[in-house]
C-alpha atoms as a PDB file:
ATOM      1  CA  MET A   1     -41.980   1.220   6.306  1.00  0.00           C
ATOM      2  CA  PRO A   2     -41.514   1.190  10.095  1.00  0.00           C
ATOM      3  CA  ALA A   3     -39.446  -1.999  10.165  1.00  0.00           C
ATOM      4  CA  TYR A   4     -36.823  -0.581   7.792  1.00  0.00           C
ATOM      5  CA  TYR A   5     -36.735   2.780   9.528  1.00  0.00           C
ATOM      6  CA  ASN A   6     -36.344   1.138  12.938  1.00  0.00           C
ATOM      7  CA  SER A   7     -33.515  -1.042  11.608  1.00  0.00           C
ATOM      8  CA  ILE A   8     -31.621   2.044  10.464  1.00  0.00           C
ATOM      9  CA  ILE A   9     -32.199   3.817  13.775  1.00  0.00           C
ATOM     10  CA  LYS A  10     -30.879   0.760  15.628  1.00  0.00           C
ATOM     11  CA  GLY A  11     -27.690   0.762  13.564  1.00  0.00           C
ATOM     12  CA  VAL A  12     -28.045  -1.751  10.745  1.00  0.00           C
ATOM     13  CA  SER A  13     -24.680  -1.855   8.976  1.00  0.00           C
ATOM     14  CA  THR A  14     -25.466  -2.566   5.329  1.00  0.00           C
ATOM     15  CA  VAL A  15     -28.267  -1.978   2.840  1.00  0.00           C
ATOM     16  CA  MET A  16     -28.462  -3.706  -0.550  1.00  0.00           C
ATOM     17  CA  VAL A  17     -30.026  -1.936  -3.505  1.00  0.00           C
ATOM     18  CA  SER A  18     -32.653  -3.903  -5.437  1.00  0.00           C
ATOM     19  CA  TYR A  19     -32.875  -4.588  -9.164  1.00  0.00           C
ATOM     20  CA  SER A  20     -36.247  -2.838  -9.292  1.00  0.00           C
ATOM     21  CA  SER A  21     -37.167   0.590 -10.609  1.00  0.00           C
ATOM     22  CA  TRP A  22     -39.139   3.342  -8.890  1.00  0.00           C
ATOM     23  CA  ASN A  23     -41.003   5.875 -11.016  1.00  0.00           C
ATOM     24  CA  GLY A  24     -39.007   4.667 -14.005  1.00  0.00           C
ATOM     25  CA  VAL A  25     -35.592   5.100 -12.355  1.00  0.00           C
ATOM     26  CA  LYS A  26     -33.435   2.046 -11.689  1.00  0.00           C
ATOM     27  CA  MET A  27     -32.742   1.777  -7.967  1.00  0.00           C
ATOM     28  CA  HIS A  28     -29.021   1.348  -8.660  1.00  0.00           C
ATOM     29  CA  ALA A  29     -29.093   4.809 -10.254  1.00  0.00           C
ATOM     30  CA  ASN A  30     -31.499   6.495  -7.834  1.00  0.00           C
ATOM     31  CA  ARG A  31     -29.421   9.182  -6.122  1.00  0.00           C
ATOM     32  CA  ASN A  32     -32.498  10.786  -4.546  1.00  0.00           C
ATOM     33  CA  LEU A  33     -33.368   7.639  -2.616  1.00  0.00           C
ATOM     34  CA  ILE A  34     -29.868   6.334  -1.835  1.00  0.00           C
ATOM     35  CA  ILE A  35     -28.174   9.601  -0.868  1.00  0.00           C
ATOM     36  CA  GLY A  36     -31.100  11.963  -0.431  1.00  0.00           C
ATOM     37  CA  LEU A  37     -33.386   9.746   1.628  1.00  0.00           C
ATOM     38  CA  LEU A  38     -31.320   6.875   3.021  1.00  0.00           C
ATOM     39  CA  LYS A  39     -28.036   8.589   3.823  1.00  0.00           C
ATOM     40  CA  ASN A  40     -29.106  12.189   4.438  1.00  0.00           C
ATOM     41  CA  LYS A  41     -32.684  12.176   5.714  1.00  0.00           C
ATOM     42  CA  LEU A  42     -32.605   8.830   7.550  1.00  0.00           C
ATOM     43  CA  ARG A  43     -28.946   9.361   8.539  1.00  0.00           C
ATOM     44  CA  PHE A  44     -27.848   5.852   7.579  1.00  0.00           C
ATOM     45  CA  ARG A  45     -24.197   5.455   8.600  1.00  0.00           C
ATOM     46  CA  GLY A  46     -23.456   2.014   7.201  1.00  0.00           C
ATOM     47  CA  PHE A  47     -22.565   1.266   3.595  1.00  0.00           C
ATOM     48  CA  VAL A  48     -24.745   0.592   0.559  1.00  0.00           C
ATOM     49  CA  ILE A  49     -23.944  -2.445  -1.579  1.00  0.00           C
ATOM     50  CA  SER A  50     -25.165  -3.240  -5.071  1.00  0.00           C
ATOM     51  CA  ASP A  51     -26.875  -6.471  -6.001  1.00  0.00           C
ATOM     52  CA  TRP A  52     -25.131  -9.067  -8.193  1.00  0.00           C
ATOM     53  CA  GLN A  53     -24.193  -7.220 -11.416  1.00  0.00           C
ATOM     54  CA  GLY A  54     -26.713  -4.602 -10.329  1.00  0.00           C
ATOM     55  CA  ILE A  55     -25.081  -1.623 -12.018  1.00  0.00           C
ATOM     56  CA  ASP A  56     -24.958  -3.531 -15.314  1.00  0.00           C
ATOM     57  CA  LYS A  57     -28.761  -3.468 -15.349  1.00  0.00           C
ATOM     58  CA  ILE A  58     -28.943   0.332 -15.202  1.00  0.00           C
ATOM     59  CA  THR A  59     -28.868   0.315 -19.002  1.00  0.00           C
ATOM     60  CA  SER A  60     -31.055  -1.648 -21.375  1.00  0.00           C
ATOM     61  CA  PRO A  61     -29.822  -4.074 -22.479  1.00  0.00           C
ATOM     62  CA  PRO A  62     -27.646  -4.709 -19.412  1.00  0.00           C
ATOM     63  CA  GLY A  63     -24.023  -3.721 -19.921  1.00  0.00           C
ATOM     64  CA  ALA A  64     -24.758  -1.624 -23.018  1.00  0.00           C
ATOM     65  CA  ASN A  65     -22.692   1.267 -21.620  1.00  0.00           C
ATOM     66  CA  TYR A  66     -20.696  -0.073 -18.707  1.00  0.00           C
ATOM     67  CA  THR A  67     -18.696   3.107 -18.069  1.00  0.00           C
ATOM     68  CA  TYR A  68     -21.940   5.054 -17.760  1.00  0.00           C
ATOM     69  CA  SER A  69     -23.332   2.433 -15.369  1.00  0.00           C
ATOM     70  CA  VAL A  70     -20.248   2.706 -13.144  1.00  0.00           C
ATOM     71  CA  GLN A  71     -20.518   6.493 -13.140  1.00  0.00           C
ATOM     72  CA  VAL A  72     -24.221   6.645 -12.360  1.00  0.00           C
ATOM     73  CA  GLY A  73     -24.153   3.820  -9.808  1.00  0.00           C
ATOM     74  CA  VAL A  74     -21.266   5.194  -7.748  1.00  0.00           C
ATOM     75  CA  ASN A  75     -22.530   8.784  -7.948  1.00  0.00           C
ATOM     76  CA  ALA A  76     -25.966   7.569  -6.842  1.00  0.00           C
ATOM     77  CA  GLY A  77     -24.386   6.560  -3.541  1.00  0.00           C
ATOM     78  CA  ILE A  78     -23.530   2.872  -3.880  1.00  0.00           C
ATOM     79  CA  ASP A  79     -20.429   2.274  -1.767  1.00  0.00           C
ATOM     80  CA  MET A  80     -19.551  -1.330  -2.580  1.00  0.00           C
ATOM     81  CA  ILE A  81     -20.186  -2.772  -6.045  1.00  0.00           C
ATOM     82  CA  MET A  82     -20.750  -6.491  -6.509  1.00  0.00           C
ATOM     83  CA  VAL A  83     -18.719  -7.253  -9.641  1.00  0.00           C
ATOM     84  CA  PRO A  84     -18.477 -11.032 -10.076  1.00  0.00           C
ATOM     85  CA  TYR A  85     -16.627 -11.151 -13.397  1.00  0.00           C
ATOM     86  CA  ASN A  86     -15.364  -7.986 -15.126  1.00  0.00           C
ATOM     87  CA  TYR A  87     -13.671  -6.445 -12.096  1.00  0.00           C
ATOM     88  CA  THR A  88     -10.638  -5.261 -14.094  1.00  0.00           C
ATOM     89  CA  GLU A  89     -12.942  -3.289 -16.390  1.00  0.00           C
ATOM     90  CA  PHE A  90     -14.744  -1.850 -13.376  1.00  0.00           C
ATOM     91  CA  ILE A  91     -11.496  -0.774 -11.703  1.00  0.00           C
ATOM     92  CA  GLY A  92     -10.247   0.787 -14.923  1.00  0.00           C
ATOM     93  CA  ASP A  93     -13.488   2.654 -15.606  1.00  0.00           C
ATOM     94  CA  LEU A  94     -13.852   3.956 -12.056  1.00  0.00           C
ATOM     95  CA  THR A  95     -10.211   5.059 -11.914  1.00  0.00           C
ATOM     96  CA  ASN A  96     -10.638   6.956 -15.179  1.00  0.00           C
ATOM     97  CA  LEU A  97     -13.883   8.564 -13.977  1.00  0.00           C
ATOM     98  CA  VAL A  98     -12.217   9.734 -10.759  1.00  0.00           C
ATOM     99  CA  GLU A  99      -9.183  11.103 -12.609  1.00  0.00           C
ATOM    100  CA  LYS A 100     -11.545  13.143 -14.798  1.00  0.00           C
ATOM    101  CA  ASN A 101     -13.513  14.242 -11.701  1.00  0.00           C
ATOM    102  CA  ILE A 102     -16.694  12.787 -13.189  1.00  0.00           C
ATOM    103  CA  VAL A 103     -16.881  10.765  -9.993  1.00  0.00           C
ATOM    104  CA  PRO A 104     -15.589  13.168  -7.317  1.00  0.00           C
ATOM    105  CA  MET A 105     -12.958  11.974  -4.851  1.00  0.00           C
ATOM    106  CA  SER A 106     -15.330  13.009  -2.059  1.00  0.00           C
ATOM    107  CA  ARG A 107     -17.701  10.240  -3.198  1.00  0.00           C
ATOM    108  CA  ILE A 108     -14.860   7.686  -3.033  1.00  0.00           C
ATOM    109  CA  ASP A 109     -13.819   8.980   0.399  1.00  0.00           C
ATOM    110  CA  ASP A 110     -17.392   8.635   1.640  1.00  0.00           C
ATOM    111  CA  ALA A 111     -17.618   5.046   0.389  1.00  0.00           C
ATOM    112  CA  VAL A 112     -14.266   4.045   1.912  1.00  0.00           C
ATOM    113  CA  ARG A 113     -15.107   5.757   5.202  1.00  0.00           C
ATOM    114  CA  ARG A 114     -18.415   3.905   5.465  1.00  0.00           C
ATOM    115  CA  ILE A 115     -16.928   0.501   4.626  1.00  0.00           C
ATOM    116  CA  LEU A 116     -14.023   0.906   7.058  1.00  0.00           C
ATOM    117  CA  ARG A 117     -16.336   2.164   9.814  1.00  0.00           C
ATOM    118  CA  VAL A 118     -18.441  -0.999   9.603  1.00  0.00           C
ATOM    119  CA  LYS A 119     -15.343  -3.209   9.629  1.00  0.00           C
ATOM    120  CA  PHE A 120     -13.867  -1.390  12.634  1.00  0.00           C
ATOM    121  CA  VAL A 121     -17.141  -1.625  14.575  1.00  0.00           C
ATOM    122  CA  MET A 122     -17.288  -5.363  13.823  1.00  0.00           C
ATOM    123  CA  GLY A 123     -13.716  -5.769  15.058  1.00  0.00           C
ATOM    124  CA  LEU A 124     -12.533  -7.306  11.792  1.00  0.00           C
ATOM    125  CA  PHE A 125      -9.109  -5.699  11.977  1.00  0.00           C
ATOM    126  CA  GLU A 126      -8.468  -7.159  15.440  1.00  0.00           C
ATOM    127  CA  ASP A 127     -10.069 -10.555  14.793  1.00  0.00           C
ATOM    128  CA  PRO A 128     -10.795 -11.153  11.098  1.00  0.00           C
ATOM    129  CA  MET A 129     -11.834 -14.806  11.419  1.00  0.00           C
ATOM    130  CA  ALA A 130     -15.417 -15.857  12.131  1.00  0.00           C
ATOM    131  CA  ASP A 131     -16.344 -17.196  15.570  1.00  0.00           C
ATOM    132  CA  LEU A 132     -17.118 -20.896  15.101  1.00  0.00           C
ATOM    133  CA  SER A 133     -17.751 -21.677  18.757  1.00  0.00           C
ATOM    134  CA  PHE A 134     -21.498 -22.042  18.166  1.00  0.00           C
ATOM    135  CA  ALA A 135     -21.253 -23.961  14.881  1.00  0.00           C
ATOM    136  CA  ASP A 136     -22.239 -27.219  16.572  1.00  0.00           C
ATOM    137  CA  GLN A 137     -25.488 -25.596  17.715  1.00  0.00           C
ATOM    138  CA  LEU A 138     -26.858 -25.336  14.173  1.00  0.00           C
ATOM    139  CA  GLY A 139     -29.832 -27.577  13.530  1.00  0.00           C
ATOM    140  CA  LYS A 140     -30.394 -28.488  17.173  1.00  0.00           C
ATOM    141  CA  LYS A 141     -33.709 -30.015  18.152  1.00  0.00           C
ATOM    142  CA  GLU A 142     -34.944 -26.860  19.888  1.00  0.00           C
ATOM    143  CA  HIS A 143     -34.100 -24.821  16.796  1.00  0.00           C
ATOM    144  CA  ARG A 144     -36.124 -27.174  14.604  1.00  0.00           C
ATOM    145  CA  GLU A 145     -39.023 -27.019  17.043  1.00  0.00           C
ATOM    146  CA  LEU A 146     -38.927 -23.233  16.867  1.00  0.00           C
ATOM    147  CA  ALA A 147     -38.952 -23.438  13.059  1.00  0.00           C
ATOM    148  CA  ARG A 148     -41.987 -25.741  13.191  1.00  0.00           C
ATOM    149  CA  GLU A 149     -43.736 -23.303  15.502  1.00  0.00           C
ATOM    150  CA  ALA A 150     -43.053 -20.476  13.052  1.00  0.00           C
ATOM    151  CA  VAL A 151     -44.540 -22.535  10.213  1.00  0.00           C
ATOM    152  CA  ARG A 152     -47.614 -23.467  12.227  1.00  0.00           C
ATOM    153  CA  LYS A 153     -48.269 -19.842  13.113  1.00  0.00           C
ATOM    154  CA  SER A 154     -47.653 -18.469   9.610  1.00  0.00           C
ATOM    155  CA  LEU A 155     -49.483 -20.992   7.404  1.00  0.00           C
ATOM    156  CA  VAL A 156     -52.670 -19.686   5.806  1.00  0.00           C
ATOM    157  CA  LEU A 157     -55.498 -22.133   5.077  1.00  0.00           C
ATOM    158  CA  LEU A 158     -57.454 -20.776   2.119  1.00  0.00           C
ATOM    159  CA  LYS A 159     -60.205 -23.357   2.130  1.00  0.00           C
ATOM    160  CA  ASN A 160     -61.156 -26.265   4.376  1.00  0.00           C
ATOM    161  CA  GLY A 161     -63.346 -28.649   2.426  1.00  0.00           C
ATOM    162  CA  LYS A 162     -66.254 -27.882   0.132  1.00  0.00           C
ATOM    163  CA  SER A 163     -68.002 -25.784   2.764  1.00  0.00           C
ATOM    164  CA  SER A 164     -67.801 -24.829   6.424  1.00  0.00           C
ATOM    165  CA  ASN A 165     -70.321 -27.588   7.122  1.00  0.00           C
ATOM    166  CA  GLU A 166     -68.049 -30.198   5.522  1.00  0.00           C
ATOM    167  CA  PRO A 167     -64.506 -29.455   6.730  1.00  0.00           C
ATOM    168  CA  LEU A 168     -61.712 -31.658   5.439  1.00  0.00           C
ATOM    169  CA  LEU A 169     -59.261 -30.864   8.216  1.00  0.00           C
ATOM    170  CA  PRO A 170     -58.174 -32.159  10.588  1.00  0.00           C
ATOM    171  CA  LEU A 171     -57.491 -35.475   8.880  1.00  0.00           C
ATOM    172  CA  PRO A 172     -57.859 -38.584  11.039  1.00  0.00           C
ATOM    173  CA  LYS A 173     -54.546 -40.103  12.077  1.00  0.00           C
ATOM    174  CA  LYS A 174     -56.113 -43.535  12.254  1.00  0.00           C
ATOM    175  CA  ALA A 175     -57.382 -44.883   8.934  1.00  0.00           C
ATOM    176  CA  PRO A 176     -57.097 -48.229   7.124  1.00  0.00           C
ATOM    177  CA  LYS A 177     -55.051 -46.928   4.200  1.00  0.00           C
ATOM    178  CA  ILE A 178     -54.073 -43.481   2.922  1.00  0.00           C
ATOM    179  CA  LEU A 179     -52.303 -42.303  -0.216  1.00  0.00           C
ATOM    180  CA  VAL A 180     -49.485 -39.791  -0.434  1.00  0.00           C
ATOM    181  CA  ALA A 181     -48.835 -38.674  -4.014  1.00  0.00           C
ATOM    182  CA  GLY A 182     -46.995 -36.050  -6.016  1.00  0.00           C
ATOM    183  CA  SER A 183     -43.500 -35.103  -7.126  1.00  0.00           C
ATOM    184  CA  HIS A 184     -42.750 -33.092  -3.981  1.00  0.00           C
ATOM    185  CA  ALA A 185     -43.964 -35.516  -1.315  1.00  0.00           C
ATOM    186  CA  ASP A 186     -40.706 -37.447  -1.025  1.00  0.00           C
ATOM    187  CA  ASN A 187     -38.137 -34.983  -2.348  1.00  0.00           C
ATOM    188  CA  LEU A 188     -36.258 -32.995   0.262  1.00  0.00           C
ATOM    189  CA  GLY A 189     -34.555 -30.778  -2.308  1.00  0.00           C
ATOM    190  CA  PHE A 190     -37.868 -29.776  -3.886  1.00  0.00           C
ATOM    191  CA  GLN A 191     -39.262 -29.154  -0.424  1.00  0.00           C
ATOM    192  CA  CYS A 192     -36.390 -26.840   0.568  1.00  0.00           C
ATOM    193  CA  GLY A 193     -36.505 -24.779  -2.628  1.00  0.00           C
ATOM    194  CA  GLY A 194     -33.914 -22.347  -3.945  1.00  0.00           C
ATOM    195  CA  TRP A 195     -30.941 -21.003  -1.997  1.00  0.00           C
ATOM    196  CA  THR A 196     -30.465 -24.425  -0.381  1.00  0.00           C
ATOM    197  CA  ILE A 197     -26.919 -25.807  -0.752  1.00  0.00           C
ATOM    198  CA  GLU A 198     -26.953 -24.554  -4.357  1.00  0.00           C
ATOM    199  CA  TRP A 199     -28.078 -21.172  -5.707  1.00  0.00           C
ATOM    200  CA  ASN A 200     -31.135 -22.652  -7.413  1.00  0.00           C
ATOM    201  CA  GLY A 201     -31.504 -25.597  -5.063  1.00  0.00           C
ATOM    202  CA  ASP A 202     -31.558 -29.161  -6.323  1.00  0.00           C
ATOM    203  CA  SER A 203     -33.478 -32.420  -6.250  1.00  0.00           C
ATOM    204  CA  GLY A 204     -33.156 -35.270  -3.773  1.00  0.00           C
ATOM    205  CA  ASP A 205     -31.434 -35.640  -0.411  1.00  0.00           C
ATOM    206  CA  ILE A 206     -29.243 -32.559  -0.702  1.00  0.00           C
ATOM    207  CA  THR A 207     -29.250 -31.877   3.048  1.00  0.00           C
ATOM    208  CA  ALA A 208     -30.531 -33.262   6.330  1.00  0.00           C
ATOM    209  CA  GLY A 209     -34.245 -32.989   6.903  1.00  0.00           C
ATOM    210  CA  THR A 210     -37.637 -34.666   6.945  1.00  0.00           C
ATOM    211  CA  THR A 211     -39.683 -35.113   3.801  1.00  0.00           C
ATOM    212  CA  ILE A 212     -43.443 -34.645   3.927  1.00  0.00           C
ATOM    213  CA  LEU A 213     -43.893 -38.368   3.307  1.00  0.00           C
ATOM    214  CA  ASP A 214     -41.652 -39.290   6.237  1.00  0.00           C
ATOM    215  CA  ALA A 215     -43.435 -36.770   8.456  1.00  0.00           C
ATOM    216  CA  ILE A 216     -46.823 -38.258   7.584  1.00  0.00           C
ATOM    217  CA  LYS A 217     -45.579 -41.778   8.286  1.00  0.00           C
ATOM    218  CA  SER A 218     -44.284 -40.741  11.696  1.00  0.00           C
ATOM    219  CA  THR A 219     -47.480 -38.851  12.576  1.00  0.00           C
ATOM    220  CA  VAL A 220     -50.302 -41.229  11.666  1.00  0.00           C
ATOM    221  CA  ASP A 221     -51.394 -44.119  13.840  1.00  0.00           C
ATOM    222  CA  PRO A 222     -49.083 -47.162  13.589  1.00  0.00           C
ATOM    223  CA  ALA A 223     -52.018 -49.174  12.244  1.00  0.00           C
ATOM    224  CA  THR A 224     -52.529 -46.780   9.317  1.00  0.00           C
ATOM    225  CA  LYS A 225     -51.004 -48.021   6.075  1.00  0.00           C
ATOM    226  CA  VAL A 226     -49.318 -45.220   4.119  1.00  0.00           C
ATOM    227  CA  VAL A 227     -48.933 -45.819   0.378  1.00  0.00           C
ATOM    228  CA  TYR A 228     -46.763 -43.531  -1.738  1.00  0.00           C
ATOM    229  CA  SER A 229     -47.130 -43.118  -5.490  1.00  0.00           C
ATOM    230  CA  LYS A 230     -45.382 -40.249  -7.222  1.00  0.00           C
ATOM    231  CA  ASN A 231     -47.814 -39.997 -10.121  1.00  0.00           C
ATOM    232  CA  PRO A 232     -50.612 -42.581  -9.848  1.00  0.00           C
ATOM    233  CA  ASP A 233     -52.848 -43.288 -12.824  1.00  0.00           C
ATOM    234  CA  SER A 234     -56.589 -43.939 -12.821  1.00  0.00           C
ATOM    235  CA  SER A 235     -56.198 -47.732 -12.764  1.00  0.00           C
ATOM    236  CA  PHE A 236     -54.035 -47.488  -9.648  1.00  0.00           C
ATOM    237  CA  MET A 237     -56.725 -45.423  -7.968  1.00  0.00           C
ATOM    238  CA  LYS A 238     -59.448 -47.909  -8.937  1.00  0.00           C
ATOM    239  CA  ASP A 239     -57.443 -50.879  -7.664  1.00  0.00           C
ATOM    240  CA  ASN A 240     -56.961 -49.341  -4.215  1.00  0.00           C
ATOM    241  CA  GLU A 241     -59.391 -48.171  -1.600  1.00  0.00           C
ATOM    242  CA  PHE A 242     -57.971 -45.169   0.227  1.00  0.00           C
ATOM    243  CA  SER A 243     -59.551 -43.351   3.139  1.00  0.00           C
ATOM    244  CA  TYR A 244     -58.071 -40.110   1.837  1.00  0.00           C
ATOM    245  CA  ALA A 245     -55.074 -38.800  -0.092  1.00  0.00           C
ATOM    246  CA  ILE A 246     -52.485 -36.075   0.388  1.00  0.00           C
ATOM    247  CA  VAL A 247     -51.097 -34.668  -2.871  1.00  0.00           C
ATOM    248  CA  VAL A 248     -47.869 -32.647  -2.798  1.00  0.00           C
ATOM    249  CA  VAL A 249     -46.916 -30.947  -6.069  1.00  0.00           C
ATOM    250  CA  GLY A 250     -45.294 -27.680  -7.059  1.00  0.00           C
ATOM    251  CA  GLU A 251     -42.555 -25.961  -9.005  1.00  0.00           C
ATOM    252  CA  THR A 252     -39.002 -27.223  -9.124  1.00  0.00           C
ATOM    253  CA  PRO A 253     -36.560 -25.165  -7.013  1.00  0.00           C
ATOM    254  CA  TYR A 254     -35.231 -21.873  -8.310  1.00  0.00           C
ATOM    255  CA  ALA A 255     -33.876 -18.533  -7.202  1.00  0.00           C
ATOM    256  CA  GLU A 256     -34.441 -15.089  -8.655  1.00  0.00           C
ATOM    257  CA  THR A 257     -34.862 -14.861 -12.443  1.00  0.00           C
ATOM    258  CA  LYS A 258     -34.535 -18.618 -12.951  1.00  0.00           C
ATOM    259  CA  GLY A 259     -38.123 -18.862 -11.771  1.00  0.00           C
ATOM    260  CA  ASP A 260     -39.579 -16.139 -13.987  1.00  0.00           C
ATOM    261  CA  ASN A 261     -42.650 -17.521 -15.723  1.00  0.00           C
ATOM    262  CA  LEU A 262     -45.490 -15.705 -17.465  1.00  0.00           C
ATOM    263  CA  ASN A 263     -47.573 -18.884 -17.431  1.00  0.00           C
ATOM    264  CA  LEU A 264     -48.947 -19.001 -13.892  1.00  0.00           C
ATOM    265  CA  THR A 265     -49.736 -22.702 -13.772  1.00  0.00           C
ATOM    266  CA  LEU A 266     -48.248 -25.681 -11.991  1.00  0.00           C
ATOM    267  CA  PRO A 267     -45.735 -27.578 -14.132  1.00  0.00           C
ATOM    268  CA  ALA A 268     -46.657 -31.032 -15.409  1.00  0.00           C
ATOM    269  CA  PRO A 269     -47.488 -33.576 -14.198  1.00  0.00           C
ATOM    270  CA  GLY A 270     -48.777 -31.718 -11.119  1.00  0.00           C
ATOM    271  CA  PRO A 271     -52.233 -30.729 -12.417  1.00  0.00           C
ATOM    272  CA  ARG A 272     -52.841 -34.205 -13.815  1.00  0.00           C
ATOM    273  CA  THR A 273     -51.821 -35.813 -10.526  1.00  0.00           C
ATOM    274  CA  ILE A 274     -54.265 -33.609  -8.644  1.00  0.00           C
ATOM    275  CA  GLN A 275     -57.051 -34.358 -11.097  1.00  0.00           C
ATOM    276  CA  THR A 276     -56.459 -38.117 -11.067  1.00  0.00           C
ATOM    277  CA  VAL A 277     -56.178 -38.473  -7.307  1.00  0.00           C
ATOM    278  CA  CYS A 278     -58.746 -35.935  -6.183  1.00  0.00           C
ATOM    279  CA  GLY A 279     -61.212 -37.181  -8.755  1.00  0.00           C
ATOM    280  CA  ALA A 280     -61.151 -40.606  -7.141  1.00  0.00           C
ATOM    281  CA  VAL A 281     -60.839 -39.985  -3.401  1.00  0.00           C
ATOM    282  CA  LYS A 282     -61.159 -37.266  -0.777  1.00  0.00           C
ATOM    283  CA  CYS A 283     -57.871 -35.431  -0.949  1.00  0.00           C
ATOM    284  CA  LEU A 284     -55.808 -32.585   0.387  1.00  0.00           C
END
């Protein structure tokens, strides 16, 4: 892909290997792609790092033959191994493999050379601490405006109303009363998703930000009454007369395998909320 190739040409420093397989070969064991293509053909001069416990997953089940995984992973061209727990076992296995010349010293020299080169270029030996002079710039208004612009330009509207002759959007800002419903409408943590503060994210006000409900309240006309109900029932819908409703539902936050799900449906009560609200009033 051009973007990856251009990044290498422009001097990207590190490449992480994925958990995936290609033609049946685990990427963490794919010497042809890591050394043959990336390092030799594309002349990548940075270092290759494994993913979290990536070499463990070379075997099935993961970790079934850890010594073999260390051997194959390092010989495939991985320079830095992410070993979160059993680092003493890793050090012992790799040392033994090098002493037996199963992993040649030239492979270790190459890995060390690449890692040190990146650190020298970054100036870590002269100034190892991070530059915090711009820390107070994080989250500035102009940065948030740029983020909003990116969202506006990247959102894809799949359908606008029942037909092109009856578009639902744009919604009127001025209306007597509107409903905002759903588990994700007033939950900043759900809105942010995984990799926010925590690995798998969390629920509630875990960071600074604007919920969808708050954004709607600040956008509509001051005369428009905004009613929020997380999971309204049919009687609630009958007792109120709404001009329209905005329903915000979805999955709870997750990262990586925590979100694996063979059942491609919205978790409860999302579908029921949509059915109840959208069955009673024009909704988005």
